[in-house]
Amino acid sequence: MLWGLAQWIGPLASLAMARILGIRLGYRELALISVLRLPAKYLPGGIWQSVARFAAYQRLAIKNSDSMTILVVEHVFALGTSIALGSALLLLATHSVNTTRIAAGLLALAIIGLLLASAWLRYKQLHARGALPWILKLALSTCLFWMLAAASFCVYWIAVFGYDAADLRLVGSSYLLSWAAGFVVIFSPQGLGVSEWVAGHLMPSTHPLSVVVIAVAGFRMIAIIGDLSAWSLGLALSRCWSRGSEP
């Protein structure tokens, strides 16, 4: 499944951050730290996967400041990239002048935010050699993650409403922008309710709003199944690698 695959792509951003900060951890360790803690994000509050990852970094003797930098920058890039991709898709698909202006404004803000975050990282690691290529890899891996996530949602939308239900550029854009809206609303864990409401108003559909909102909410089950599949694979690989390292 595309969503499950995306969970294995996401740790590439962690790998880039580790290299920027001079942390010598490989993709295998970082991927397992992320994937094996996926179930924690479904606990009330919506922050427990990040908390669990922070605790795992502590056990590996990574400085608290570096652990926090990894988590914060990854979230900033996730938000900026989802808005940038969603706005770009909206610009490609819309013919409305007002919508074009809003999308262009969001795209510009997202790009500025990503550039500022990149500049801050470059300044913070001014002494580090080769930081810029890893910043670019951070951006590319985050972009790939959200492309897979949007593709997963589009496949789900086609399965529910058929190929002719809507322009897939608008469907993908609606998903990305609604996720971003749910992310910034901190009082709603994982944007529950907020993302569905925003997507319901953005999504082009001839169906009633209630039907669209329920359909968008149904994608959460696809995400849960994808997360569980990624977690199960991570658990199996972790046990195999542990046995292989035994004397």
C-alpha atoms as a PDB file:
ATOM      1  CA  MET A   1       0.000   0.000   0.000  1.00  0.00           C
ATOM      2  CA  LEU A   2       1.167   3.496  -0.796  1.00  0.00           C
ATOM      3  CA  TRP A   3       0.507   4.773   2.723  1.00  0.00           C
ATOM      4  CA  GLY A   4       2.511   1.953   4.280  1.00  0.00           C
ATOM      5  CA  LEU A   5       5.369   2.608   1.836  1.00  0.00           C
ATOM      6  CA  ALA A   6       5.315   6.294   2.759  1.00  0.00           C
ATOM      7  CA  GLN A   7       6.037   5.383   6.389  1.00  0.00           C
ATOM      8  CA  TRP A   8       9.332   3.876   5.247  1.00  0.00           C
ATOM      9  CA  ILE A   9      10.141   6.918   3.115  1.00  0.00           C
ATOM     10  CA  GLY A  10       9.570   9.350   5.995  1.00  0.00           C
ATOM     11  CA  PRO A  11      12.680   8.259   7.967  1.00  0.00           C
ATOM     12  CA  LEU A  12      14.842   9.477   5.084  1.00  0.00           C
ATOM     13  CA  ALA A  13      14.118  12.958   6.452  1.00  0.00           C
ATOM     14  CA  SER A  14      15.356  11.799   9.861  1.00  0.00           C
ATOM     15  CA  LEU A  15      18.504  10.467   8.197  1.00  0.00           C
ATOM     16  CA  ALA A  16      19.109  13.829   6.535  1.00  0.00           C
ATOM     17  CA  MET A  17      18.607  15.622   9.854  1.00  0.00           C
ATOM     18  CA  ALA A  18      20.985  13.222  11.588  1.00  0.00           C
ATOM     19  CA  ARG A  19      23.693  13.945   9.032  1.00  0.00           C
ATOM     20  CA  ILE A  20      23.128  17.696   9.268  1.00  0.00           C
ATOM     21  CA  LEU A  21      23.557  17.503  13.047  1.00  0.00           C
ATOM     22  CA  GLY A  22      26.536  15.155  12.834  1.00  0.00           C
ATOM     23  CA  ILE A  23      24.708  12.175  14.362  1.00  0.00           C
ATOM     24  CA  ARG A  24      26.081   8.864  13.144  1.00  0.00           C
ATOM     25  CA  LEU A  25      22.924   6.804  12.912  1.00  0.00           C
ATOM     26  CA  GLY A  26      21.984   4.830   9.814  1.00  0.00           C
ATOM     27  CA  TYR A  27      18.686   4.536   7.981  1.00  0.00           C
ATOM     28  CA  ARG A  28      17.907   1.165   9.592  1.00  0.00           C
ATOM     29  CA  GLU A  29      18.027   2.521  13.147  1.00  0.00           C
ATOM     30  CA  LEU A  30      16.113   5.688  12.321  1.00  0.00           C
ATOM     31  CA  ALA A  31      13.476   3.843  10.303  1.00  0.00           C
ATOM     32  CA  LEU A  32      12.803   1.375  13.112  1.00  0.00           C
ATOM     33  CA  ILE A  33      12.618   4.205  15.661  1.00  0.00           C
ATOM     34  CA  SER A  34       9.927   5.847  13.552  1.00  0.00           C
ATOM     35  CA  VAL A  35       7.981   2.832  12.294  1.00  0.00           C
ATOM     36  CA  LEU A  36       7.874   0.901  15.563  1.00  0.00           C
ATOM     37  CA  ARG A  37       6.342   3.934  17.276  1.00  0.00           C
ATOM     38  CA  LEU A  38       3.557   4.492  14.749  1.00  0.00           C
ATOM     39  CA  PRO A  39       0.836   3.067  17.058  1.00  0.00           C
ATOM     40  CA  ALA A  40       1.693   5.764  19.626  1.00  0.00           C
ATOM     41  CA  LYS A  41       0.239   8.487  17.428  1.00  0.00           C
ATOM     42  CA  TYR A  42      -3.241   7.050  17.961  1.00  0.00           C
ATOM     43  CA  LEU A  43      -3.100   7.632  21.697  1.00  0.00           C
ATOM     44  CA  PRO A  44      -5.180  10.578  22.987  1.00  0.00           C
ATOM     45  CA  GLY A  45      -3.343  13.846  22.492  1.00  0.00           C
ATOM     46  CA  GLY A  46      -1.733  13.060  19.137  1.00  0.00           C
ATOM     47  CA  ILE A  47       1.825  13.857  20.326  1.00  0.00           C
ATOM     48  CA  TRP A  48       2.926  10.496  21.680  1.00  0.00           C
ATOM     49  CA  GLN A  49       4.744   9.254  18.601  1.00  0.00           C
ATOM     50  CA  SER A  50       7.017  12.304  18.808  1.00  0.00           C
ATOM     51  CA  VAL A  51       7.406  11.770  22.561  1.00  0.00           C
ATOM     52  CA  ALA A  52       8.295   8.105  21.993  1.00  0.00           C
ATOM     53  CA  ARG A  53      10.839   9.032  19.322  1.00  0.00           C
ATOM     54  CA  PHE A  54      12.375  11.633  21.630  1.00  0.00           C
ATOM     55  CA  ALA A  55      12.733   8.990  24.359  1.00  0.00           C
ATOM     56  CA  ALA A  56      14.345   6.589  21.847  1.00  0.00           C
ATOM     57  CA  TYR A  57      16.858   9.244  20.822  1.00  0.00           C
ATOM     58  CA  GLN A  58      17.678   9.814  24.496  1.00  0.00           C
ATOM     59  CA  ARG A  59      18.406   6.105  24.942  1.00  0.00           C
ATOM     60  CA  LEU A  60      20.886   6.381  22.060  1.00  0.00           C
ATOM     61  CA  ALA A  61      22.677   9.203  23.914  1.00  0.00           C
ATOM     62  CA  ILE A  62      21.590  11.890  21.441  1.00  0.00           C
ATOM     63  CA  LYS A  63      21.551  15.336  23.008  1.00  0.00           C
ATOM     64  CA  ASN A  64      18.118  16.662  23.952  1.00  0.00           C
ATOM     65  CA  SER A  65      18.673  19.781  21.854  1.00  0.00           C
ATOM     66  CA  ASP A  66      19.487  17.684  18.766  1.00  0.00           C
ATOM     67  CA  SER A  67      16.507  15.396  19.374  1.00  0.00           C
ATOM     68  CA  MET A  68      14.195  18.391  19.623  1.00  0.00           C
ATOM     69  CA  THR A  69      15.729  19.956  16.512  1.00  0.00           C
ATOM     70  CA  ILE A  70      15.094  16.779  14.510  1.00  0.00           C
ATOM     71  CA  LEU A  71      11.435  16.617  15.540  1.00  0.00           C
ATOM     72  CA  VAL A  72      10.691  20.326  15.151  1.00  0.00           C
ATOM     73  CA  VAL A  73      12.383  20.708  11.754  1.00  0.00           C
ATOM     74  CA  GLU A  74      10.720  17.562  10.412  1.00  0.00           C
ATOM     75  CA  HIS A  75       7.306  18.929  11.410  1.00  0.00           C
ATOM     76  CA  VAL A  76       8.070  22.340   9.911  1.00  0.00           C
ATOM     77  CA  PHE A  77       9.132  20.744   6.631  1.00  0.00           C
ATOM     78  CA  ALA A  78       6.077  18.457   6.667  1.00  0.00           C
ATOM     79  CA  LEU A  79       3.743  21.433   7.091  1.00  0.00           C
ATOM     80  CA  GLY A  80       5.517  23.618   4.542  1.00  0.00           C
ATOM     81  CA  THR A  81       5.779  20.851   1.957  1.00  0.00           C
ATOM     82  CA  SER A  82       2.140  19.788   2.263  1.00  0.00           C
ATOM     83  CA  ILE A  83       1.017  23.396   1.776  1.00  0.00           C
ATOM     84  CA  ALA A  84       3.421  23.963  -1.118  1.00  0.00           C
ATOM     85  CA  LEU A  85       2.401  20.797  -2.971  1.00  0.00           C
ATOM     86  CA  GLY A  86      -1.286  21.331  -2.273  1.00  0.00           C
ATOM     87  CA  SER A  87      -1.145  24.935  -3.472  1.00  0.00           C
ATOM     88  CA  ALA A  88       0.834  23.983  -6.588  1.00  0.00           C
ATOM     89  CA  LEU A  89      -1.731  21.328  -7.530  1.00  0.00           C
ATOM     90  CA  LEU A  90      -4.521  23.817  -6.924  1.00  0.00           C
ATOM     91  CA  LEU A  91      -2.828  26.349  -9.202  1.00  0.00           C
ATOM     92  CA  LEU A  92      -2.555  23.734 -11.946  1.00  0.00           C
ATOM     93  CA  ALA A  93      -6.197  22.717 -11.705  1.00  0.00           C
ATOM     94  CA  THR A  94      -8.173  25.876 -10.950  1.00  0.00           C
ATOM     95  CA  HIS A  95      -9.477  28.515 -13.352  1.00  0.00           C
ATOM     96  CA  SER A  96     -10.889  30.839 -10.717  1.00  0.00           C
ATOM     97  CA  VAL A  97      -9.042  34.134 -10.276  1.00  0.00           C
ATOM     98  CA  ASN A  98      -9.715  34.333  -6.544  1.00  0.00           C
ATOM     99  CA  THR A  99      -8.691  30.717  -5.958  1.00  0.00           C
ATOM    100  CA  THR A 100      -5.543  31.270  -8.002  1.00  0.00           C
ATOM    101  CA  ARG A 101      -4.597  34.260  -5.858  1.00  0.00           C
ATOM    102  CA  ILE A 102      -5.165  32.337  -2.622  1.00  0.00           C
ATOM    103  CA  ALA A 103      -3.208  29.323  -3.881  1.00  0.00           C
ATOM    104  CA  ALA A 104      -0.354  31.554  -5.082  1.00  0.00           C
ATOM    105  CA  GLY A 105      -0.257  33.288  -1.712  1.00  0.00           C
ATOM    106  CA  LEU A 106      -0.160  29.982   0.178  1.00  0.00           C
ATOM    107  CA  LEU A 107       2.547  28.657  -2.136  1.00  0.00           C
ATOM    108  CA  ALA A 108       4.662  31.751  -1.613  1.00  0.00           C
ATOM    109  CA  LEU A 109       4.272  31.566   2.182  1.00  0.00           C
ATOM    110  CA  ALA A 110       5.159  27.864   2.206  1.00  0.00           C
ATOM    111  CA  ILE A 111       8.269  28.403   0.086  1.00  0.00           C
ATOM    112  CA  ILE A 112       9.372  31.324   2.259  1.00  0.00           C
ATOM    113  CA  GLY A 113       8.855  29.221   5.391  1.00  0.00           C
ATOM    114  CA  LEU A 114      10.853  26.322   3.966  1.00  0.00           C
ATOM    115  CA  LEU A 115      13.654  28.638   2.854  1.00  0.00           C
ATOM    116  CA  LEU A 116      13.799  30.255   6.298  1.00  0.00           C
ATOM    117  CA  ALA A 117      13.934  26.851   7.985  1.00  0.00           C
ATOM    118  CA  SER A 118      16.691  25.771   5.583  1.00  0.00           C
ATOM    119  CA  ALA A 119      18.633  28.983   6.204  1.00  0.00           C
ATOM    120  CA  TRP A 120      18.313  28.484   9.963  1.00  0.00           C
ATOM    121  CA  LEU A 121      19.646  24.935   9.647  1.00  0.00           C
ATOM    122  CA  ARG A 122      22.519  26.148   7.459  1.00  0.00           C
ATOM    123  CA  TYR A 123      23.369  28.863   9.972  1.00  0.00           C
ATOM    124  CA  LYS A 124      23.071  26.498  12.936  1.00  0.00           C
ATOM    125  CA  GLN A 125      25.433  24.010  11.322  1.00  0.00           C
ATOM    126  CA  LEU A 126      27.777  26.554   9.760  1.00  0.00           C
ATOM    127  CA  HIS A 127      30.747  24.541  10.975  1.00  0.00           C
ATOM    128  CA  ALA A 128      29.474  21.320   9.407  1.00  0.00           C
ATOM    129  CA  ARG A 129      30.796  20.301   6.010  1.00  0.00           C
ATOM    130  CA  GLY A 130      28.314  19.179   3.384  1.00  0.00           C
ATOM    131  CA  ALA A 131      25.205  20.361   5.240  1.00  0.00           C
ATOM    132  CA  LEU A 132      23.559  21.892   2.166  1.00  0.00           C
ATOM    133  CA  PRO A 133      23.221  18.629   0.185  1.00  0.00           C
ATOM    134  CA  TRP A 134      21.578  16.992   3.205  1.00  0.00           C
ATOM    135  CA  ILE A 135      19.163  19.918   3.530  1.00  0.00           C
ATOM    136  CA  LEU A 136      18.180  19.324  -0.094  1.00  0.00           C
ATOM    137  CA  LYS A 137      17.757  15.602   0.651  1.00  0.00           C
ATOM    138  CA  LEU A 138      15.577  16.525   3.623  1.00  0.00           C
ATOM    139  CA  ALA A 139      13.341  18.586   1.331  1.00  0.00           C
ATOM    140  CA  LEU A 140      13.205  15.915  -1.365  1.00  0.00           C
ATOM    141  CA  SER A 141      12.413  13.054   1.026  1.00  0.00           C
ATOM    142  CA  THR A 142       9.647  15.094   2.664  1.00  0.00           C
ATOM    143  CA  CYS A 143       8.257  15.933  -0.771  1.00  0.00           C
ATOM    144  CA  LEU A 144       8.309  12.261  -1.773  1.00  0.00           C
ATOM    145  CA  PHE A 145       6.483  11.290   1.412  1.00  0.00           C
ATOM    146  CA  TRP A 146       3.645  13.720   0.732  1.00  0.00           C
ATOM    147  CA  MET A 147       3.423  12.755  -2.924  1.00  0.00           C
ATOM    148  CA  LEU A 148       2.893   9.150  -1.845  1.00  0.00           C
ATOM    149  CA  ALA A 149       0.380  10.208   0.813  1.00  0.00           C
ATOM    150  CA  ALA A 150      -1.604  12.268  -1.711  1.00  0.00           C
ATOM    151  CA  ALA A 151      -1.437   9.436  -4.258  1.00  0.00           C
ATOM    152  CA  SER A 152      -2.765   7.041  -1.618  1.00  0.00           C
ATOM    153  CA  PHE A 153      -5.712   9.343  -0.956  1.00  0.00           C
ATOM    154  CA  CYS A 154      -6.430   9.718  -4.690  1.00  0.00           C
ATOM    155  CA  VAL A 155      -6.496   5.933  -5.134  1.00  0.00           C
ATOM    156  CA  TYR A 156      -8.901   5.697  -2.207  1.00  0.00           C
ATOM    157  CA  TRP A 157     -11.099   8.442  -3.708  1.00  0.00           C
ATOM    158  CA  ILE A 158     -11.252   6.634  -7.046  1.00  0.00           C
ATOM    159  CA  ALA A 159     -12.195   3.404  -5.270  1.00  0.00           C
ATOM    160  CA  VAL A 160     -15.077   5.152  -3.503  1.00  0.00           C
ATOM    161  CA  PHE A 161     -16.450   7.444  -6.222  1.00  0.00           C
ATOM    162  CA  GLY A 162     -14.931   6.176  -9.488  1.00  0.00           C
ATOM    163  CA  TYR A 163     -12.503   7.638 -12.015  1.00  0.00           C
ATOM    164  CA  ASP A 164     -14.835  10.412 -13.123  1.00  0.00           C
ATOM    165  CA  ALA A 165     -15.615  11.662  -9.614  1.00  0.00           C
ATOM    166  CA  ALA A 166     -13.307  14.692  -9.786  1.00  0.00           C
ATOM    167  CA  ASP A 167     -10.052  16.126 -11.091  1.00  0.00           C
ATOM    168  CA  LEU A 168      -7.367  14.187  -9.205  1.00  0.00           C
ATOM    169  CA  ARG A 169      -5.245  17.329  -8.985  1.00  0.00           C
ATOM    170  CA  LEU A 170      -8.007  18.939  -6.934  1.00  0.00           C
ATOM    171  CA  VAL A 171      -8.492  15.773  -4.895  1.00  0.00           C
ATOM    172  CA  GLY A 172      -4.794  15.615  -4.020  1.00  0.00           C
ATOM    173  CA  SER A 173      -4.694  19.337  -3.320  1.00  0.00           C
ATOM    174  CA  SER A 174      -7.715  19.129  -1.028  1.00  0.00           C
ATOM    175  CA  TYR A 175      -6.131  16.299   0.946  1.00  0.00           C
ATOM    176  CA  LEU A 176      -2.784  18.058   1.395  1.00  0.00           C
ATOM    177  CA  LEU A 177      -4.273  21.416   2.369  1.00  0.00           C
ATOM    178  CA  SER A 178      -6.819  19.842   4.719  1.00  0.00           C
ATOM    179  CA  TRP A 179      -4.048  17.882   6.450  1.00  0.00           C
ATOM    180  CA  ALA A 180      -2.103  21.122   6.925  1.00  0.00           C
ATOM    181  CA  ALA A 181      -5.188  22.822   8.345  1.00  0.00           C
ATOM    182  CA  GLY A 182      -5.716  19.970  10.797  1.00  0.00           C
ATOM    183  CA  PHE A 183      -2.048  20.029  11.780  1.00  0.00           C
ATOM    184  CA  VAL A 184      -1.991  23.701  12.777  1.00  0.00           C
ATOM    185  CA  VAL A 185      -5.186  23.402  14.860  1.00  0.00           C
ATOM    186  CA  ILE A 186      -3.482  22.177  18.011  1.00  0.00           C
ATOM    187  CA  PHE A 187      -6.662  21.552  20.001  1.00  0.00           C
ATOM    188  CA  SER A 188      -7.682  18.752  17.609  1.00  0.00           C
ATOM    189  CA  PRO A 189      -5.494  15.623  17.902  1.00  0.00           C
ATOM    190  CA  GLN A 190      -4.244  14.717  14.397  1.00  0.00           C
ATOM    191  CA  GLY A 191      -6.669  17.291  13.032  1.00  0.00           C
ATOM    192  CA  LEU A 192      -9.611  15.007  13.762  1.00  0.00           C
ATOM    193  CA  GLY A 193     -12.768  16.689  12.475  1.00  0.00           C
ATOM    194  CA  VAL A 194     -10.910  19.768  11.237  1.00  0.00           C
ATOM    195  CA  SER A 195      -9.235  18.026   8.281  1.00  0.00           C
ATOM    196  CA  GLU A 196     -12.517  16.402   7.284  1.00  0.00           C
ATOM    197  CA  TRP A 197     -14.426  19.692   7.473  1.00  0.00           C
ATOM    198  CA  VAL A 198     -11.819  21.557   5.414  1.00  0.00           C
ATOM    199  CA  ALA A 199     -11.530  18.764   2.840  1.00  0.00           C
ATOM    200  CA  GLY A 200     -15.310  18.593   2.563  1.00  0.00           C
ATOM    201  CA  HIS A 201     -15.408  22.254   1.521  1.00  0.00           C
ATOM    202  CA  LEU A 202     -12.370  22.051  -0.765  1.00  0.00           C
ATOM    203  CA  MET A 203     -13.167  18.748  -2.451  1.00  0.00           C
ATOM    204  CA  PRO A 204     -14.905  19.102  -5.821  1.00  0.00           C
ATOM    205  CA  SER A 205     -17.904  16.776  -5.698  1.00  0.00           C
ATOM    206  CA  THR A 206     -21.527  16.576  -6.734  1.00  0.00           C
ATOM    207  CA  HIS A 207     -22.307  14.632  -3.572  1.00  0.00           C
ATOM    208  CA  PRO A 208     -23.709  16.265  -0.418  1.00  0.00           C
ATOM    209  CA  LEU A 209     -21.209  17.734   2.027  1.00  0.00           C
ATOM    210  CA  SER A 210     -22.047  15.087   4.640  1.00  0.00           C
ATOM    211  CA  VAL A 211     -21.204  12.282   2.193  1.00  0.00           C
ATOM    212  CA  VAL A 212     -17.888  13.893   1.258  1.00  0.00           C
ATOM    213  CA  VAL A 213     -16.936  14.445   4.907  1.00  0.00           C
ATOM    214  CA  ILE A 214     -17.738  10.821   5.777  1.00  0.00           C
ATOM    215  CA  ALA A 215     -15.727   9.620   2.769  1.00  0.00           C
ATOM    216  CA  VAL A 216     -12.734  11.750   3.797  1.00  0.00           C
ATOM    217  CA  ALA A 217     -13.004  10.429   7.354  1.00  0.00           C
ATOM    218  CA  GLY A 218     -13.005   6.893   5.959  1.00  0.00           C
ATOM    219  CA  PHE A 219      -9.474   7.416   4.681  1.00  0.00           C
ATOM    220  CA  ARG A 220      -8.308   7.370   8.288  1.00  0.00           C
ATOM    221  CA  MET A 221      -9.031   3.632   8.285  1.00  0.00           C
ATOM    222  CA  ILE A 222      -6.782   3.247   5.237  1.00  0.00           C
ATOM    223  CA  ALA A 223      -4.064   5.162   7.078  1.00  0.00           C
ATOM    224  CA  ILE A 224      -4.469   2.957  10.156  1.00  0.00           C
ATOM    225  CA  ILE A 225      -4.175  -0.195   8.031  1.00  0.00           C
ATOM    226  CA  GLY A 226      -1.110   1.234   6.296  1.00  0.00           C
ATOM    227  CA  ASP A 227       0.479   2.182   9.609  1.00  0.00           C
ATOM    228  CA  LEU A 228      -0.193  -1.278  11.028  1.00  0.00           C
ATOM    229  CA  SER A 229       1.306  -2.954   7.969  1.00  0.00           C
ATOM    230  CA  ALA A 230       4.430  -0.771   8.221  1.00  0.00           C
ATOM    231  CA  TRP A 231       4.635  -1.426  11.965  1.00  0.00           C
ATOM    232  CA  SER A 232       4.239  -5.206  11.494  1.00  0.00           C
ATOM    233  CA  LEU A 233       6.969  -5.267   8.868  1.00  0.00           C
ATOM    234  CA  GLY A 234       9.216  -3.177  11.128  1.00  0.00           C
ATOM    235  CA  LEU A 235       8.605  -5.524  14.053  1.00  0.00           C
ATOM    236  CA  ALA A 236       9.445  -8.565  11.938  1.00  0.00           C
ATOM    237  CA  LEU A 237      12.607  -6.959  10.541  1.00  0.00           C
ATOM    238  CA  SER A 238      13.673  -5.825  14.002  1.00  0.00           C
ATOM    239  CA  ARG A 239      13.419  -9.363  15.342  1.00  0.00           C
ATOM    240  CA  CYS A 240      15.252 -10.835  12.351  1.00  0.00           C
ATOM    241  CA  TRP A 241      18.078  -8.324  12.651  1.00  0.00           C
ATOM    242  CA  SER A 242      18.274  -8.900  16.411  1.00  0.00           C
ATOM    243  CA  ARG A 243      18.646 -12.645  15.890  1.00  0.00           C
ATOM    244  CA  GLY A 244      21.229 -12.080  13.182  1.00  0.00           C
ATOM    245  CA  SER A 245      23.366  -9.971  15.524  1.00  0.00           C
ATOM    246  CA  GLU A 246      23.376 -12.625  18.268  1.00  0.00           C
ATOM    247  CA  PRO A 247      26.720 -14.466  18.676  1.00  0.00           C
END
